[in-house]
Every structure is written in structure tokens, then in C-alpha cells.
Amino acid sequence: MSTRTMTRRQVRSWLVGRVAEHLKVAPETVSPQAVFSELGLSSVQAVELTAELEDFSGLKIPPTMVYEYPTIDDVAAYVAGQ
């Protein structure tokens, strides 16, 4: 999927699903406004999520993504804006 056709909503939905899978919780329990560390995402899981997002988006994502963009909504806005 090209990032040029990805909306913030699509990226947010994908991220919620991936974070839920990493945390082994239902997607409905993952708040897009919560800080990644508050969700319980470990640093290893954050690195894995960054790599997965690179594959999904086709973008080069900074390894510090979860620190620069601390919520799912922040990351979705960044990726959709690229």
C-alpha cells in the first residue's frame, strides 16, 4: 500500500490492530490517544512495531518513533502526512 493513498484513519486502525496483537489484548482496549508505554508496549515490541510499520507503509520510520510520536494518533498523523 502506498503512503500517498493511506489516510490517518487507515494507519491508526492498522496500528491499533498491531499493538493489540503484540500485547495479546482485544483491539477495543487499545486507546489511540494513550502513550505507548502506558499501553504496556516494551522497547523490544516498539522496535518490532517500527519495522512492521516500515513494511506496511513503505516509509523509512525513525527507530525513535515511539519517543518522537508517543501515541498511535501521533504516529498515524506522521505517516499519513508523509
PDB file of N, CA and C in Angstrom:
ATOM      1  N   MET A   1       0.857  -1.181   0.000  1.00  0.00           N
ATOM      2  CA  MET A   1       0.000   0.000   0.000  1.00  0.00           C
ATOM      3  C   MET A   1       0.895   1.234   0.000  1.00  0.00           C
ATOM      4  N   SER A   2       0.640   2.143  -0.863  1.00  0.00           N
ATOM      5  CA  SER A   2       1.406   3.381  -0.928  1.00  0.00           C
ATOM      6  C   SER A   2       0.962   4.336   0.165  1.00  0.00           C
ATOM      7  N   THR A   3       1.932   5.058   0.740  1.00  0.00           N
ATOM      8  CA  THR A   3       1.572   6.011   1.779  1.00  0.00           C
ATOM      9  C   THR A   3       0.758   7.160   1.220  1.00  0.00           C
ATOM     10  N   ARG A   4       0.861   7.396  -0.059  1.00  0.00           N
ATOM     11  CA  ARG A   4       0.116   8.505  -0.657  1.00  0.00           C
ATOM     12  C   ARG A   4      -1.391   8.228  -0.625  1.00  0.00           C
ATOM     13  N   THR A   5      -1.772   6.970  -0.536  1.00  0.00           N
ATOM     14  CA  THR A   5      -3.191   6.643  -0.503  1.00  0.00           C
ATOM     15  C   THR A   5      -3.653   6.292   0.908  1.00  0.00           C
ATOM     16  N   MET A   6      -2.732   6.315   1.874  1.00  0.00           N
ATOM     17  CA  MET A   6      -3.090   5.943   3.237  1.00  0.00           C
ATOM     18  C   MET A   6      -3.612   7.163   3.995  1.00  0.00           C
ATOM     19  N   THR A   7      -4.735   6.975   4.640  1.00  0.00           N
ATOM     20  CA  THR A   7      -5.270   8.038   5.471  1.00  0.00           C
ATOM     21  C   THR A   7      -4.832   7.831   6.917  1.00  0.00           C
ATOM     22  N   ARG A   8      -4.986   8.868   7.686  1.00  0.00           N
ATOM     23  CA  ARG A   8      -4.677   8.768   9.114  1.00  0.00           C
ATOM     24  C   ARG A   8      -5.503   7.652   9.749  1.00  0.00           C
ATOM     25  N   ARG A   9      -6.755   7.542   9.350  1.00  0.00           N
ATOM     26  CA  ARG A   9      -7.646   6.523   9.910  1.00  0.00           C
ATOM     27  C   ARG A   9      -7.149   5.111   9.589  1.00  0.00           C
ATOM     28  N   GLN A  10      -6.687   4.900   8.348  1.00  0.00           N
ATOM     29  CA  GLN A  10      -6.181   3.582   7.957  1.00  0.00           C
ATOM     30  C   GLN A  10      -4.938   3.222   8.767  1.00  0.00           C
ATOM     31  N   VAL A  11      -4.052   4.192   8.909  1.00  0.00           N
ATOM     32  CA  VAL A  11      -2.825   3.923   9.668  1.00  0.00           C
ATOM     33  C   VAL A  11      -3.171   3.665  11.127  1.00  0.00           C
ATOM     34  N   ARG A  12      -4.067   4.467  11.690  1.00  0.00           N
ATOM     35  CA  ARG A  12      -4.468   4.289  13.087  1.00  0.00           C
ATOM     36  C   ARG A  12      -5.089   2.905  13.298  1.00  0.00           C
ATOM     37  N   SER A  13      -5.965   2.499  12.410  1.00  0.00           N
ATOM     38  CA  SER A  13      -6.611   1.186  12.529  1.00  0.00           C
ATOM     39  C   SER A  13      -5.572   0.067  12.466  1.00  0.00           C
ATOM     40  N   TRP A  14      -4.627   0.189  11.544  1.00  0.00           N
ATOM     41  CA  TRP A  14      -3.575  -0.824  11.429  1.00  0.00           C
ATOM     42  C   TRP A  14      -2.750  -0.865  12.707  1.00  0.00           C
ATOM     43  N   LEU A  15      -2.367   0.307  13.217  1.00  0.00           N
ATOM     44  CA  LEU A  15      -1.559   0.370  14.438  1.00  0.00           C
ATOM     45  C   LEU A  15      -2.299  -0.212  15.642  1.00  0.00           C
ATOM     46  N   VAL A  16      -3.553   0.104  15.771  1.00  0.00           N
ATOM     47  CA  VAL A  16      -4.336  -0.452  16.894  1.00  0.00           C
ATOM     48  C   VAL A  16      -4.325  -1.982  16.822  1.00  0.00           C
ATOM     49  N   GLY A  17      -4.528  -2.517  15.640  1.00  0.00           N
ATOM     50  CA  GLY A  17      -4.514  -3.967  15.474  1.00  0.00           C
ATOM     51  C   GLY A  17      -3.162  -4.583  15.800  1.00  0.00           C
ATOM     52  N   ARG A  18      -2.095  -3.947  15.334  1.00  0.00           N
ATOM     53  CA  ARG A  18      -0.753  -4.486  15.586  1.00  0.00           C
ATOM     54  C   ARG A  18      -0.391  -4.388  17.074  1.00  0.00           C
ATOM     55  N   VAL A  19      -0.699  -3.257  17.695  1.00  0.00           N
ATOM     56  CA  VAL A  19      -0.399  -3.108  19.121  1.00  0.00           C
ATOM     57  C   VAL A  19      -1.207  -4.130  19.926  1.00  0.00           C
ATOM     58  N   ALA A  20      -2.460  -4.308  19.583  1.00  0.00           N
ATOM     59  CA  ALA A  20      -3.296  -5.294  20.280  1.00  0.00           C
ATOM     60  C   ALA A  20      -2.696  -6.690  20.140  1.00  0.00           C
ATOM     61  N   GLU A  21      -2.209  -7.002  18.955  1.00  0.00           N
ATOM     62  CA  GLU A  21      -1.609  -8.324  18.745  1.00  0.00           C
ATOM     63  C   GLU A  21      -0.337  -8.479  19.578  1.00  0.00           C
ATOM     64  N   HIS A  22       0.492  -7.445  19.598  1.00  0.00           N
ATOM     65  CA  HIS A  22       1.718  -7.506  20.411  1.00  0.00           C
ATOM     66  C   HIS A  22       1.388  -7.698  21.891  1.00  0.00           C
ATOM     67  N   LEU A  23       0.359  -7.012  22.352  1.00  0.00           N
ATOM     68  CA  LEU A  23       0.014  -7.058  23.774  1.00  0.00           C
ATOM     69  C   LEU A  23      -0.935  -8.206  24.120  1.00  0.00           C
ATOM     70  N   LYS A  24      -1.419  -8.905  23.079  1.00  0.00           N
ATOM     71  CA  LYS A  24      -2.349 -10.015  23.266  1.00  0.00           C
ATOM     72  C   LYS A  24      -3.615  -9.557  24.005  1.00  0.00           C
ATOM     73  N   VAL A  25      -4.166  -8.436  23.493  1.00  0.00           N
ATOM     74  CA  VAL A  25      -5.414  -7.894  24.045  1.00  0.00           C
ATOM     75  C   VAL A  25      -6.365  -7.619  22.881  1.00  0.00           C
ATOM     76  N   ALA A  26      -7.615  -7.362  23.212  1.00  0.00           N
ATOM     77  CA  ALA A  26      -8.600  -7.027  22.188  1.00  0.00           C
ATOM     78  C   ALA A  26      -8.315  -5.614  21.652  1.00  0.00           C
ATOM     79  N   PRO A  27      -8.453  -5.410  20.348  1.00  0.00           N
ATOM     80  CA  PRO A  27      -8.202  -4.074  19.777  1.00  0.00           C
ATOM     81  C   PRO A  27      -9.045  -2.973  20.429  1.00  0.00           C
ATOM     82  N   GLU A  28     -10.229  -3.326  20.901  1.00  0.00           N
ATOM     83  CA  GLU A  28     -11.104  -2.315  21.520  1.00  0.00           C
ATOM     84  C   GLU A  28     -10.498  -1.736  22.801  1.00  0.00           C
ATOM     85  N   THR A  29      -9.543  -2.440  23.373  1.00  0.00           N
ATOM     86  CA  THR A  29      -8.935  -1.979  24.630  1.00  0.00           C
ATOM     87  C   THR A  29      -7.712  -1.089  24.396  1.00  0.00           C
ATOM     88  N   VAL A  30      -7.337  -0.912  23.125  1.00  0.00           N
ATOM     89  CA  VAL A  30      -6.155  -0.096  22.801  1.00  0.00           C
ATOM     90  C   VAL A  30      -6.611   1.306  22.432  1.00  0.00           C
ATOM     91  N   SER A  31      -6.266   2.275  23.267  1.00  0.00           N
ATOM     92  CA  SER A  31      -6.635   3.666  23.003  1.00  0.00           C
ATOM     93  C   SER A  31      -5.605   4.334  22.101  1.00  0.00           C
ATOM     94  N   PRO A  32      -6.039   4.891  20.972  1.00  0.00           N
ATOM     95  CA  PRO A  32      -5.113   5.598  20.086  1.00  0.00           C
ATOM     96  C   PRO A  32      -4.515   6.856  20.713  1.00  0.00           C
ATOM     97  N   GLN A  33      -5.100   7.335  21.805  1.00  0.00           N
ATOM     98  CA  GLN A  33      -4.589   8.526  22.476  1.00  0.00           C
ATOM     99  C   GLN A  33      -3.632   8.205  23.625  1.00  0.00           C
ATOM    100  N   ALA A  34      -3.508   6.944  23.980  1.00  0.00           N
ATOM    101  CA  ALA A  34      -2.631   6.555  25.086  1.00  0.00           C
ATOM    102  C   ALA A  34      -1.177   6.522  24.629  1.00  0.00           C
ATOM    103  N   VAL A  35      -0.291   6.891  25.522  1.00  0.00           N
ATOM    104  CA  VAL A  35       1.146   6.816  25.256  1.00  0.00           C
ATOM    105  C   VAL A  35       1.538   5.337  25.179  1.00  0.00           C
ATOM    106  N   PHE A  36       2.415   5.013  24.230  1.00  0.00           N
ATOM    107  CA  PHE A  36       2.787   3.609  24.017  1.00  0.00           C
ATOM    108  C   PHE A  36       3.225   2.933  25.314  1.00  0.00           C
ATOM    109  N   SER A  37       4.031   3.608  26.112  1.00  0.00           N
ATOM    110  CA  SER A  37       4.497   2.988  27.353  1.00  0.00           C
ATOM    111  C   SER A  37       3.334   2.731  28.316  1.00  0.00           C
ATOM    112  N   GLU A  38       2.327   3.583  28.283  1.00  0.00           N
ATOM    113  CA  GLU A  38       1.150   3.368  29.138  1.00  0.00           C
ATOM    114  C   GLU A  38       0.348   2.158  28.679  1.00  0.00           C
ATOM    115  N   LEU A  39       0.429   1.857  27.390  1.00  0.00           N
ATOM    116  CA  LEU A  39      -0.283   0.688  26.862  1.00  0.00           C
ATOM    117  C   LEU A  39       0.404  -0.608  27.280  1.00  0.00           C
ATOM    118  N   GLY A  40       1.673  -0.495  27.671  1.00  0.00           N
ATOM    119  CA  GLY A  40       2.416  -1.683  28.077  1.00  0.00           C
ATOM    120  C   GLY A  40       3.350  -2.209  27.008  1.00  0.00           C
ATOM    121  N   LEU A  41       3.580  -1.419  25.970  1.00  0.00           N
ATOM    122  CA  LEU A  41       4.476  -1.842  24.891  1.00  0.00           C
ATOM    123  C   LEU A  41       5.919  -1.743  25.370  1.00  0.00           C
ATOM    124  N   SER A  42       6.653  -2.848  25.276  1.00  0.00           N
ATOM    125  CA  SER A  42       8.058  -2.853  25.686  1.00  0.00           C
ATOM    126  C   SER A  42       8.911  -2.203  24.595  1.00  0.00           C
ATOM    127  N   SER A  43      10.160  -1.922  24.927  1.00  0.00           N
ATOM    128  CA  SER A  43      11.057  -1.319  23.935  1.00  0.00           C
ATOM    129  C   SER A  43      11.307  -2.287  22.777  1.00  0.00           C
ATOM    130  N   VAL A  44      11.384  -3.575  23.068  1.00  0.00           N
ATOM    131  CA  VAL A  44      11.565  -4.570  22.002  1.00  0.00           C
ATOM    132  C   VAL A  44      10.333  -4.589  21.093  1.00  0.00           C
ATOM    133  N   GLN A  45       9.165  -4.564  21.697  1.00  0.00           N
ATOM    134  CA  GLN A  45       7.938  -4.549  20.901  1.00  0.00           C
ATOM    135  C   GLN A  45       7.843  -3.261  20.083  1.00  0.00           C
ATOM    136  N   ALA A  46       8.321  -2.158  20.634  1.00  0.00           N
ATOM    137  CA  ALA A  46       8.299  -0.883  19.906  1.00  0.00           C
ATOM    138  C   ALA A  46       9.202  -0.945  18.675  1.00  0.00           C
ATOM    139  N   VAL A  47      10.357  -1.559  18.827  1.00  0.00           N
ATOM    140  CA  VAL A  47      11.272  -1.715  17.691  1.00  0.00           C
ATOM    141  C   VAL A  47      10.636  -2.615  16.628  1.00  0.00           C
ATOM    142  N   GLU A  48      10.009  -3.699  17.072  1.00  0.00           N
ATOM    143  CA  GLU A  48       9.325  -4.594  16.129  1.00  0.00           C
ATOM    144  C   GLU A  48       8.193  -3.859  15.414  1.00  0.00           C
ATOM    145  N   LEU A  49       7.442  -3.064  16.149  1.00  0.00           N
ATOM    146  CA  LEU A  49       6.334  -2.311  15.565  1.00  0.00           C
ATOM    147  C   LEU A  49       6.852  -1.320  14.529  1.00  0.00           C
ATOM    148  N   THR A  50       7.978  -0.699  14.811  1.00  0.00           N
ATOM    149  CA  THR A  50       8.576   0.240  13.857  1.00  0.00           C
ATOM    150  C   THR A  50       8.930  -0.465  12.555  1.00  0.00           C
ATOM    151  N   ALA A  51       9.549  -1.637  12.657  1.00  0.00           N
ATOM    152  CA  ALA A  51       9.905  -2.403  11.452  1.00  0.00           C
ATOM    153  C   ALA A  51       8.656  -2.821  10.680  1.00  0.00           C
ATOM    154  N   GLU A  52       7.640  -3.239  11.404  1.00  0.00           N
ATOM    155  CA  GLU A  52       6.388  -3.632  10.749  1.00  0.00           C
ATOM    156  C   GLU A  52       5.741  -2.436  10.045  1.00  0.00           C
ATOM    157  N   LEU A  53       5.826  -1.288  10.686  1.00  0.00           N
ATOM    158  CA  LEU A  53       5.243  -0.086  10.081  1.00  0.00           C
ATOM    159  C   LEU A  53       6.008   0.320   8.826  1.00  0.00           C
ATOM    160  N   GLU A  54       7.310   0.121   8.837  1.00  0.00           N
ATOM    161  CA  GLU A  54       8.095   0.384   7.622  1.00  0.00           C
ATOM    162  C   GLU A  54       7.617  -0.511   6.480  1.00  0.00           C
ATOM    163  N   ASP A  55       7.431  -1.785   6.769  1.00  0.00           N
ATOM    164  CA  ASP A  55       6.949  -2.717   5.739  1.00  0.00           C
ATOM    165  C   ASP A  55       5.549  -2.325   5.269  1.00  0.00           C
ATOM    166  N   PHE A  56       4.699  -1.969   6.205  1.00  0.00           N
ATOM    167  CA  PHE A  56       3.315  -1.620   5.880  1.00  0.00           C
ATOM    168  C   PHE A  56       3.239  -0.341   5.057  1.00  0.00           C
ATOM    169  N   SER A  57       4.013   0.645   5.446  1.00  0.00           N
ATOM    170  CA  SER A  57       3.894   1.971   4.819  1.00  0.00           C
ATOM    171  C   SER A  57       4.835   2.185   3.635  1.00  0.00           C
ATOM    172  N   GLY A  58       5.933   1.447   3.616  1.00  0.00           N
ATOM    173  CA  GLY A  58       6.944   1.697   2.596  1.00  0.00           C
ATOM    174  C   GLY A  58       7.805   2.901   2.903  1.00  0.00           C
ATOM    175  N   LEU A  59       7.653   3.451   4.098  1.00  0.00           N
ATOM    176  CA  LEU A  59       8.430   4.614   4.527  1.00  0.00           C
ATOM    177  C   LEU A  59       9.601   4.183   5.400  1.00  0.00           C
ATOM    178  N   LYS A  60      10.620   5.006   5.445  1.00  0.00           N
ATOM    179  CA  LYS A  60      11.689   4.824   6.417  1.00  0.00           C
ATOM    180  C   LYS A  60      11.200   5.479   7.709  1.00  0.00           C
ATOM    181  N   ILE A  61      11.012   4.664   8.729  1.00  0.00           N
ATOM    182  CA  ILE A  61      10.485   5.148  10.007  1.00  0.00           C
ATOM    183  C   ILE A  61      11.644   5.260  10.989  1.00  0.00           C
ATOM    184  N   PRO A  62      11.783   6.388  11.667  1.00  0.00           N
ATOM    185  CA  PRO A  62      12.893   6.515  12.612  1.00  0.00           C
ATOM    186  C   PRO A  62      12.761   5.512  13.755  1.00  0.00           C
ATOM    187  N   PRO A  63      13.887   4.909  14.176  1.00  0.00           N
ATOM    188  CA  PRO A  63      13.824   3.931  15.274  1.00  0.00           C
ATOM    189  C   PRO A  63      13.322   4.544  16.577  1.00  0.00           C
ATOM    190  N   THR A  64      13.358   5.840  16.650  1.00  0.00           N
ATOM    191  CA  THR A  64      12.881   6.544  17.845  1.00  0.00           C
ATOM    192  C   THR A  64      11.411   6.946  17.722  1.00  0.00           C
ATOM    193  N   MET A  65      10.707   6.324  16.791  1.00  0.00           N
ATOM    194  CA  MET A  65       9.322   6.702  16.503  1.00  0.00           C
ATOM    195  C   MET A  65       8.452   6.828  17.745  1.00  0.00           C
ATOM    196  N   VAL A  66       8.479   5.838  18.619  1.00  0.00           N
ATOM    197  CA  VAL A  66       7.560   5.870  19.763  1.00  0.00           C
ATOM    198  C   VAL A  66       7.913   6.966  20.764  1.00  0.00           C
ATOM    199  N   TYR A  67       9.128   7.504  20.660  1.00  0.00           N
ATOM    200  CA  TYR A  67       9.508   8.604  21.539  1.00  0.00           C
ATOM    201  C   TYR A  67       9.180   9.947  20.902  1.00  0.00           C
ATOM    202  N   GLU A  68       9.355  10.020  19.581  1.00  0.00           N
ATOM    203  CA  GLU A  68       9.046  11.259  18.864  1.00  0.00           C
ATOM    204  C   GLU A  68       7.546  11.435  18.658  1.00  0.00           C
ATOM    205  N   TYR A  69       6.860  10.312  18.489  1.00  0.00           N
ATOM    206  CA  TYR A  69       5.411  10.309  18.257  1.00  0.00           C
ATOM    207  C   TYR A  69       4.825   9.333  19.271  1.00  0.00           C
ATOM    208  N   PRO A  70       4.562   9.776  20.492  1.00  0.00           N
ATOM    209  CA  PRO A  70       4.290   8.853  21.605  1.00  0.00           C
ATOM    210  C   PRO A  70       2.935   8.156  21.629  1.00  0.00           C
ATOM    211  N   THR A  71       2.026   8.522  20.729  1.00  0.00           N
ATOM    212  CA  THR A  71       0.732   7.832  20.717  1.00  0.00           C
ATOM    213  C   THR A  71       0.447   7.290  19.317  1.00  0.00           C
ATOM    214  N   ILE A  72      -0.498   6.392  19.230  1.00  0.00           N
ATOM    215  CA  ILE A  72      -0.919   5.862  17.925  1.00  0.00           C
ATOM    216  C   ILE A  72      -1.422   6.995  17.046  1.00  0.00           C
ATOM    217  N   ASP A  73      -2.205   7.895  17.609  1.00  0.00           N
ATOM    218  CA  ASP A  73      -2.696   9.028  16.817  1.00  0.00           C
ATOM    219  C   ASP A  73      -1.550   9.886  16.288  1.00  0.00           C
ATOM    220  N   ASP A  74      -0.515  10.092  17.095  1.00  0.00           N
ATOM    221  CA  ASP A  74       0.646  10.878  16.651  1.00  0.00           C
ATOM    222  C   ASP A  74       1.363  10.185  15.494  1.00  0.00           C
ATOM    223  N   VAL A  75       1.568   8.888  15.617  1.00  0.00           N
ATOM    224  CA  VAL A  75       2.251   8.137  14.554  1.00  0.00           C
ATOM    225  C   VAL A  75       1.398   8.137  13.286  1.00  0.00           C
ATOM    226  N   ALA A  76       0.094   7.935  13.444  1.00  0.00           N
ATOM    227  CA  ALA A  76      -0.793   7.913  12.274  1.00  0.00           C
ATOM    228  C   ALA A  76      -0.752   9.245  11.533  1.00  0.00           C
ATOM    229  N   ALA A  77      -0.733  10.336  12.273  1.00  0.00           N
ATOM    230  CA  ALA A  77      -0.659  11.660  11.642  1.00  0.00           C
ATOM    231  C   ALA A  77       0.665  11.830  10.907  1.00  0.00           C
ATOM    232  N   TYR A  78       1.749  11.374  11.525  1.00  0.00           N
ATOM    233  CA  TYR A  78       3.070  11.471  10.896  1.00  0.00           C
ATOM    234  C   TYR A  78       3.108  10.658   9.600  1.00  0.00           C
ATOM    235  N   VAL A  79       2.697   9.405   9.662  1.00  0.00           N
ATOM    236  CA  VAL A  79       2.776   8.524   8.485  1.00  0.00           C
ATOM    237  C   VAL A  79       1.833   9.011   7.381  1.00  0.00           C
ATOM    238  N   ALA A  80       0.632   9.380   7.722  1.00  0.00           N
ATOM    239  CA  ALA A  80      -0.321   9.838   6.706  1.00  0.00           C
ATOM    240  C   ALA A  80       0.117  11.159   6.082  1.00  0.00           C
ATOM    241  N   GLY A  81       0.927  11.915   6.802  1.00  0.00           N
ATOM    242  CA  GLY A  81       1.399  13.199   6.295  1.00  0.00           C
ATOM    243  C   GLY A  81       2.642  13.104   5.441  1.00  0.00           C
ATOM    244  N   GLN A  82       3.205  11.906   5.316  1.00  0.00           N
ATOM    245  CA  GLN A  82       4.435  11.739   4.521  1.00  0.00           C
ATOM    246  C   GLN A  82       4.130  11.605   3.042  1.00  0.00           C
TER     247      GLN A  82
END
